[in-house]
Amino acid sequence: MVNTRQKGWRVANKCRILLEKDGWLVGDVEKTSRFAKVKDLFGLFDKVCIKPGIVMFVQITSNVQHPHKKYHAFANIYGNESIWIEQWVHMDYHGFKRFKYYPTGIKEVEKC
């Protein structure tokens, strides 16, 4: 039996490690405990990442991607060359599949 909370933290930690190796300063938004739950930033994102001149909002999921509609809508309003919106889907035994959201569309990025 899989403890979903532990699995979620493992996946989020893997994502954090990959982002930090790529030079991002990573901030956790989602904080949960048995007694208190703080939801995602804007109801959409788990992490906020910063590089000089760029802010990236990241949603992390396991095995099933969230519907693209709400992330693409957010990208239409706020996304530009300095504000990035991404969804990272961790596929068991295969690593992450990344989706980047642009005002002009959605792009699936290479696996990492």
C-alpha atoms as a PDB file:
ATOM      1  CA  MET A   1       0.000   0.000   0.000  1.00  0.00           C
ATOM      2  CA  VAL A   2       1.376   3.382  -1.023  1.00  0.00           C
ATOM      3  CA  ASN A   3       1.256   6.350   1.319  1.00  0.00           C
ATOM      4  CA  THR A   4       0.231   9.116  -1.095  1.00  0.00           C
ATOM      5  CA  ARG A   5       1.572  11.902   1.115  1.00  0.00           C
ATOM      6  CA  GLN A   6       5.026  10.297   1.265  1.00  0.00           C
ATOM      7  CA  LYS A   7       4.980   9.648  -2.472  1.00  0.00           C
ATOM      8  CA  GLY A   8       4.029  13.278  -3.100  1.00  0.00           C
ATOM      9  CA  TRP A   9       6.894  14.553  -0.963  1.00  0.00           C
ATOM     10  CA  ARG A  10       9.352  12.181  -2.704  1.00  0.00           C
ATOM     11  CA  VAL A  11       8.252  13.416  -6.141  1.00  0.00           C
ATOM     12  CA  ALA A  12       8.375  17.077  -5.039  1.00  0.00           C
ATOM     13  CA  ASN A  13      11.884  16.549  -3.645  1.00  0.00           C
ATOM     14  CA  LYS A  14      13.068  14.975  -6.932  1.00  0.00           C
ATOM     15  CA  CYS A  15      11.681  17.985  -8.783  1.00  0.00           C
ATOM     16  CA  ARG A  16      13.396  20.401  -6.389  1.00  0.00           C
ATOM     17  CA  ILE A  17      16.743  18.639  -6.864  1.00  0.00           C
ATOM     18  CA  LEU A  18      16.467  18.822 -10.675  1.00  0.00           C
ATOM     19  CA  LEU A  19      15.505  22.505 -10.586  1.00  0.00           C
ATOM     20  CA  GLU A  20      18.314  23.432  -8.185  1.00  0.00           C
ATOM     21  CA  LYS A  21      20.859  21.547 -10.338  1.00  0.00           C
ATOM     22  CA  ASP A  22      19.656  23.722 -13.226  1.00  0.00           C
ATOM     23  CA  GLY A  23      20.390  26.874 -11.199  1.00  0.00           C
ATOM     24  CA  TRP A  24      16.903  27.789  -9.968  1.00  0.00           C
ATOM     25  CA  LEU A  25      16.184  29.171  -6.502  1.00  0.00           C
ATOM     26  CA  VAL A  26      13.163  27.090  -5.475  1.00  0.00           C
ATOM     27  CA  GLY A  27      10.455  28.044  -2.990  1.00  0.00           C
ATOM     28  CA  ASP A  28       7.805  25.641  -1.705  1.00  0.00           C
ATOM     29  CA  VAL A  29       4.279  26.950  -1.721  1.00  0.00           C
ATOM     30  CA  GLU A  30       2.264  23.924  -0.677  1.00  0.00           C
ATOM     31  CA  LYS A  31       2.512  23.007   2.988  1.00  0.00           C
ATOM     32  CA  THR A  32       0.342  20.245   4.393  1.00  0.00           C
ATOM     33  CA  SER A  33       0.095  18.419   7.665  1.00  0.00           C
ATOM     34  CA  ARG A  34      -2.410  16.194   9.333  1.00  0.00           C
ATOM     35  CA  PHE A  35      -4.192  19.158  10.883  1.00  0.00           C
ATOM     36  CA  ALA A  36      -3.702  22.009   8.426  1.00  0.00           C
ATOM     37  CA  LYS A  37      -3.659  22.247   4.677  1.00  0.00           C
ATOM     38  CA  VAL A  38      -2.421  25.237   2.754  1.00  0.00           C
ATOM     39  CA  LYS A  39      -3.447  24.976  -0.872  1.00  0.00           C
ATOM     40  CA  ASP A  40      -1.395  25.695  -3.961  1.00  0.00           C
ATOM     41  CA  LEU A  41      -0.410  29.234  -4.931  1.00  0.00           C
ATOM     42  CA  PHE A  42      -3.336  30.749  -6.869  1.00  0.00           C
ATOM     43  CA  GLY A  43      -4.932  27.307  -6.582  1.00  0.00           C
ATOM     44  CA  LEU A  44      -2.534  26.107  -9.298  1.00  0.00           C
ATOM     45  CA  PHE A  45       1.149  25.859  -8.330  1.00  0.00           C
ATOM     46  CA  ASP A  46       3.334  23.920  -5.871  1.00  0.00           C
ATOM     47  CA  LYS A  47       6.661  25.690  -6.424  1.00  0.00           C
ATOM     48  CA  VAL A  48       7.891  29.153  -7.338  1.00  0.00           C
ATOM     49  CA  CYS A  49      11.330  29.206  -8.958  1.00  0.00           C
ATOM     50  CA  ILE A  50      13.525  32.223  -9.627  1.00  0.00           C
ATOM     51  CA  LYS A  51      16.519  32.927 -11.846  1.00  0.00           C
ATOM     52  CA  PRO A  52      17.731  36.439 -12.628  1.00  0.00           C
ATOM     53  CA  GLY A  53      15.024  37.988 -14.807  1.00  0.00           C
ATOM     54  CA  ILE A  54      12.751  34.909 -14.781  1.00  0.00           C
ATOM     55  CA  VAL A  55      10.037  33.635 -12.443  1.00  0.00           C
ATOM     56  CA  MET A  56       8.658  30.146 -13.060  1.00  0.00           C
ATOM     57  CA  PHE A  57       5.520  28.680 -11.491  1.00  0.00           C
ATOM     58  CA  VAL A  58       5.525  24.857 -11.344  1.00  0.00           C
ATOM     59  CA  GLN A  59       2.744  22.355 -10.634  1.00  0.00           C
ATOM     60  CA  ILE A  60       3.932  18.835  -9.760  1.00  0.00           C
ATOM     61  CA  THR A  61       1.763  15.740 -10.193  1.00  0.00           C
ATOM     62  CA  SER A  62       2.268  11.975 -10.143  1.00  0.00           C
ATOM     63  CA  ASN A  63       1.279   9.772 -13.105  1.00  0.00           C
ATOM     64  CA  VAL A  64      -1.751  11.832 -14.185  1.00  0.00           C
ATOM     65  CA  GLN A  65      -1.499  15.334 -15.580  1.00  0.00           C
ATOM     66  CA  HIS A  66      -3.921  18.030 -14.528  1.00  0.00           C
ATOM     67  CA  PRO A  67      -6.143  19.472 -17.278  1.00  0.00           C
ATOM     68  CA  HIS A  68      -4.194  21.956 -19.389  1.00  0.00           C
ATOM     69  CA  LYS A  69      -7.049  24.456 -19.636  1.00  0.00           C
ATOM     70  CA  LYS A  70      -6.509  26.346 -16.374  1.00  0.00           C
ATOM     71  CA  TYR A  71      -2.717  26.552 -16.785  1.00  0.00           C
ATOM     72  CA  HIS A  72      -3.035  27.745 -20.352  1.00  0.00           C
ATOM     73  CA  ALA A  73      -5.600  30.357 -19.228  1.00  0.00           C
ATOM     74  CA  PHE A  74      -3.149  31.579 -16.568  1.00  0.00           C
ATOM     75  CA  ALA A  75      -0.378  31.722 -19.202  1.00  0.00           C
ATOM     76  CA  ASN A  76      -2.632  33.739 -21.523  1.00  0.00           C
ATOM     77  CA  ILE A  77      -2.977  36.441 -18.867  1.00  0.00           C
ATOM     78  CA  TYR A  78       0.387  36.430 -17.084  1.00  0.00           C
ATOM     79  CA  GLY A  79       2.829  34.369 -19.139  1.00  0.00           C
ATOM     80  CA  ASN A  80       5.615  36.069 -21.098  1.00  0.00           C
ATOM     81  CA  GLU A  81       9.352  35.724 -21.633  1.00  0.00           C
ATOM     82  CA  SER A  82      10.047  36.493 -17.964  1.00  0.00           C
ATOM     83  CA  ILE A  83       7.121  34.598 -16.349  1.00  0.00           C
ATOM     84  CA  TRP A  84       7.028  30.881 -17.143  1.00  0.00           C
ATOM     85  CA  ILE A  85       4.256  28.404 -16.335  1.00  0.00           C
ATOM     86  CA  GLU A  86       5.032  24.665 -16.254  1.00  0.00           C
ATOM     87  CA  GLN A  87       3.492  21.387 -15.133  1.00  0.00           C
ATOM     88  CA  TRP A  88       5.820  18.506 -14.227  1.00  0.00           C
ATOM     89  CA  VAL A  89       4.215  15.049 -14.296  1.00  0.00           C
ATOM     90  CA  HIS A  90       6.240  12.300 -12.623  1.00  0.00           C
ATOM     91  CA  MET A  91       5.650   9.000 -14.382  1.00  0.00           C
ATOM     92  CA  ASP A  92       6.627   6.062 -12.182  1.00  0.00           C
ATOM     93  CA  TYR A  93       9.887   4.446 -13.351  1.00  0.00           C
ATOM     94  CA  HIS A  94      10.185   6.942 -16.260  1.00  0.00           C
ATOM     95  CA  GLY A  95      10.959  10.326 -14.695  1.00  0.00           C
ATOM     96  CA  PHE A  96       9.274  13.659 -15.345  1.00  0.00           C
ATOM     97  CA  LYS A  97       7.297  14.739 -18.382  1.00  0.00           C
ATOM     98  CA  ARG A  98       7.219  18.553 -18.588  1.00  0.00           C
ATOM     99  CA  PHE A  99       4.598  20.813 -20.131  1.00  0.00           C
ATOM    100  CA  LYS A 100       5.309  24.493 -20.805  1.00  0.00           C
ATOM    101  CA  TYR A 101       2.384  26.852 -21.209  1.00  0.00           C
ATOM    102  CA  TYR A 102       2.634  29.875 -23.488  1.00  0.00           C
ATOM    103  CA  PRO A 103       0.023  32.445 -24.518  1.00  0.00           C
ATOM    104  CA  THR A 104       0.278  30.888 -27.984  1.00  0.00           C
ATOM    105  CA  GLY A 105      -0.103  27.246 -26.895  1.00  0.00           C
ATOM    106  CA  ILE A 106       1.253  24.290 -24.946  1.00  0.00           C
ATOM    107  CA  LYS A 107       4.528  22.521 -25.560  1.00  0.00           C
ATOM    108  CA  GLU A 108       5.544  19.158 -24.158  1.00  0.00           C
ATOM    109  CA  VAL A 109       9.213  19.346 -23.273  1.00  0.00           C
ATOM    110  CA  GLU A 110      11.685  16.476 -23.195  1.00  0.00           C
ATOM    111  CA  LYS A 111      11.578  14.103 -20.282  1.00  0.00           C
ATOM    112  CA  CYS A 112      13.999  14.663 -17.450  1.00  0.00           C
END
